[in-house]
Amino acid sequence: MPLPSPSGSATAPTFRVRLARRGDGEQLGMLLAELGHAGAGDTATVHWVLSHPEIEVHVAADGSDRPLGLLSLSHRPQLRLSGRIATIDELVVLPNARRQGVGRALVQRALERARVLSVKRVDLQLPSLPTEATYRFCEAMGFRDAERGVVTRAP
């Protein structure tokens, strides 16, 4: 689908969304570092995650097939919803590729997959320190603050 250019005219996107592949590990690591997860994306973890039946990693790749952004979508059954729930665990776009429709295309792909999987709810995990731009993007994509707490601990 053509994306509007900053001048308002429609142009063909300069990227495509595809599933991540094992060979994307180094680029996935660089993208995860943008989220503050330096050292993430090691080969063993990438292979494990990409082969997991309830996790999908989608990338927006440039014309040379290098990832510009990634979205990790996990989905699983949940008792209280009497169905499946999906979570966008990671969403990141390289700084030089932001505001070009990359994040929007990744989220749209995740929402399409959620419909195919008959998901009842899609949650989006925000970064530790979300910016105002992050909140505006989420709102523009139809997400709203769930106003519920989540606590965590190591096992």
Protein backbone atom coordinates (compact mmCIF):
# COMPACT_ATOMS: atom_id res chain seq x y z
CA MET A 1 0.00 0.00 0.00
CA PRO A 2 1.46 3.39 -0.94
CA LEU A 3 2.35 5.63 1.95
CA PRO A 4 1.88 9.39 1.86
CA SER A 5 5.13 11.28 1.53
CA PRO A 6 5.79 14.32 3.71
CA SER A 7 4.60 16.49 0.79
CA GLY A 8 1.28 14.62 0.77
CA SER A 9 1.65 12.65 -2.45
CA ALA A 10 1.51 8.85 -2.41
CA THR A 11 4.79 7.03 -2.86
CA ALA A 12 5.71 3.36 -2.82
CA PRO A 13 7.16 2.27 0.52
CA THR A 14 10.92 1.79 0.58
CA PHE A 15 10.60 -1.29 2.80
CA ARG A 16 8.64 -4.50 3.07
CA VAL A 17 7.43 -6.41 6.12
CA ARG A 18 8.48 -10.05 6.40
CA LEU A 19 9.09 -12.67 9.06
CA ALA A 20 12.50 -12.50 10.68
CA ARG A 21 15.03 -15.15 9.69
CA ARG A 22 17.89 -16.75 11.56
CA GLY A 23 20.39 -14.69 9.56
CA ASP A 24 18.85 -11.46 10.90
CA GLY A 25 20.34 -11.97 14.37
CA GLU A 26 22.96 -9.22 14.22
CA GLN A 27 20.48 -6.63 12.94
CA LEU A 28 17.89 -7.76 15.51
CA GLY A 29 20.52 -7.24 18.21
CA MET A 30 21.16 -3.68 16.97
CA LEU A 31 17.43 -2.96 16.99
CA LEU A 32 17.01 -4.38 20.49
CA ALA A 33 19.93 -2.22 21.66
CA GLU A 34 17.81 0.78 20.59
CA LEU A 35 15.33 -0.34 23.27
CA GLY A 36 18.11 -0.51 25.86
CA HIS A 37 18.73 -4.25 25.57
CA ALA A 38 22.40 -4.29 24.60
CA GLY A 39 23.66 -7.82 24.05
CA ALA A 40 20.21 -9.18 23.16
CA GLY A 41 19.80 -11.06 19.92
CA ASP A 42 22.51 -13.66 20.41
CA THR A 43 22.37 -16.50 17.89
CA ALA A 44 21.02 -19.17 20.25
CA THR A 45 18.22 -16.92 21.54
CA VAL A 46 17.27 -15.73 18.05
CA HIS A 47 17.03 -19.34 16.82
CA TRP A 48 14.99 -20.36 19.88
CA VAL A 49 12.56 -17.44 19.61
CA LEU A 50 12.12 -17.76 15.84
CA SER A 51 11.28 -21.45 16.17
CA HIS A 52 8.78 -20.99 19.03
CA PRO A 53 5.20 -21.74 17.89
CA GLU A 54 3.62 -18.89 19.89
CA ILE A 55 6.04 -16.12 18.96
CA GLU A 56 6.41 -14.30 15.67
CA VAL A 57 9.08 -11.76 14.89
CA HIS A 58 8.30 -9.47 11.96
CA VAL A 59 10.82 -7.10 10.44
CA ALA A 60 10.51 -4.18 8.08
CA ALA A 61 13.42 -4.63 5.66
CA ASP A 62 14.90 -2.06 3.30
CA GLY A 63 15.60 -2.59 -0.41
CA SER A 64 18.79 -4.50 0.50
CA ASP A 65 16.73 -6.74 2.85
CA ARG A 66 18.32 -5.29 6.02
CA PRO A 67 15.92 -4.88 8.95
CA LEU A 68 14.93 -1.29 9.73
CA GLY A 69 12.46 -2.21 12.45
CA LEU A 70 11.17 -5.21 14.34
CA LEU A 71 8.02 -6.29 16.09
CA SER A 72 7.84 -9.35 18.32
CA LEU A 73 4.33 -10.77 18.77
CA SER A 74 3.56 -13.48 21.31
CA HIS A 75 0.16 -15.13 21.51
CA ARG A 76 -1.29 -17.64 23.91
CA PRO A 77 -4.59 -18.88 25.34
CA GLN A 78 -5.91 -17.11 28.42
CA LEU A 79 -8.59 -18.41 30.80
CA ARG A 80 -10.21 -15.12 31.79
CA LEU A 81 -10.75 -14.05 28.18
CA SER A 82 -11.95 -17.49 27.06
CA GLY A 83 -9.64 -17.19 24.10
CA ARG A 84 -6.26 -16.04 22.88
CA ILE A 85 -4.41 -12.90 23.91
CA ALA A 86 -1.51 -11.39 21.98
CA THR A 87 1.23 -9.09 23.17
CA ILE A 88 3.52 -6.93 21.12
CA ASP A 89 6.58 -7.55 23.28
CA GLU A 90 9.05 -5.42 21.33
CA LEU A 91 8.50 -2.72 18.74
CA VAL A 92 11.43 -0.66 17.54
CA VAL A 93 12.43 1.23 14.42
CA LEU A 94 15.93 2.53 13.68
CA PRO A 95 16.10 6.31 14.25
CA ASN A 96 16.81 7.11 10.57
CA ALA A 97 13.74 5.09 9.49
CA ARG A 98 11.24 6.65 11.90
CA ARG A 99 8.24 8.67 10.70
CA GLN A 100 8.24 6.78 7.38
CA GLY A 101 5.42 4.33 8.14
CA VAL A 102 7.67 1.48 9.31
CA GLY A 103 6.23 1.18 12.82
CA ARG A 104 2.69 1.57 11.50
CA ALA A 105 3.24 -1.21 8.93
CA LEU A 106 4.66 -3.53 11.59
CA VAL A 107 1.72 -2.93 13.95
CA GLN A 108 -0.75 -3.41 11.10
CA ARG A 109 0.88 -6.76 10.30
CA ALA A 110 0.58 -7.78 13.97
CA LEU A 111 -3.09 -6.79 14.03
CA GLU A 112 -3.72 -8.80 10.84
CA ARG A 113 -2.08 -11.83 12.48
CA ALA A 114 -4.19 -11.28 15.61
CA ARG A 115 -7.37 -11.39 13.51
CA VAL A 116 -6.23 -14.61 11.80
CA LEU A 117 -5.49 -16.13 15.22
CA SER A 118 -8.91 -14.99 16.58
CA VAL A 119 -7.21 -13.05 19.36
CA LYS A 120 -9.56 -11.35 21.82
CA ARG A 121 -7.12 -8.60 22.90
CA VAL A 122 -3.78 -7.20 21.78
CA ASP A 123 -1.52 -5.57 24.37
CA LEU A 124 1.51 -3.48 23.48
CA GLN A 125 4.43 -3.54 25.91
CA LEU A 126 5.85 -0.03 26.20
CA PRO A 127 9.56 0.64 26.64
CA SER A 128 10.78 1.32 30.18
CA LEU A 129 10.84 5.07 29.57
CA PRO A 130 8.22 5.80 26.90
CA THR A 131 8.37 9.18 25.22
CA GLU A 132 5.45 11.44 24.42
CA ALA A 133 5.91 10.40 20.78
CA THR A 134 5.50 6.77 21.85
CA TYR A 135 2.17 7.56 23.50
CA ARG A 136 0.99 9.53 20.45
CA PHE A 137 1.93 6.64 18.14
CA CYS A 138 0.07 4.11 20.31
CA GLU A 139 -3.00 6.30 20.42
CA ALA A 140 -2.89 6.81 16.62
CA MET A 141 -2.77 3.01 16.21
CA GLY A 142 -5.88 2.58 18.37
CA PHE A 143 -4.24 1.47 21.63
CA ARG A 144 -5.40 2.97 24.89
CA ASP A 145 -3.96 2.96 28.37
CA ALA A 146 -5.20 -0.16 30.12
CA GLU A 147 -4.69 1.47 33.53
CA ARG A 148 -3.73 -1.77 35.17
CA GLY A 149 -0.61 -2.72 37.01
CA VAL A 150 1.86 -5.43 36.24
CA VAL A 151 4.51 -6.42 38.72
CA THR A 152 7.49 -8.60 37.93
CA ARG A 153 10.32 -10.49 39.58
CA ALA A 154 13.01 -12.95 38.71
CA PRO A 155 12.15 -16.62 39.32
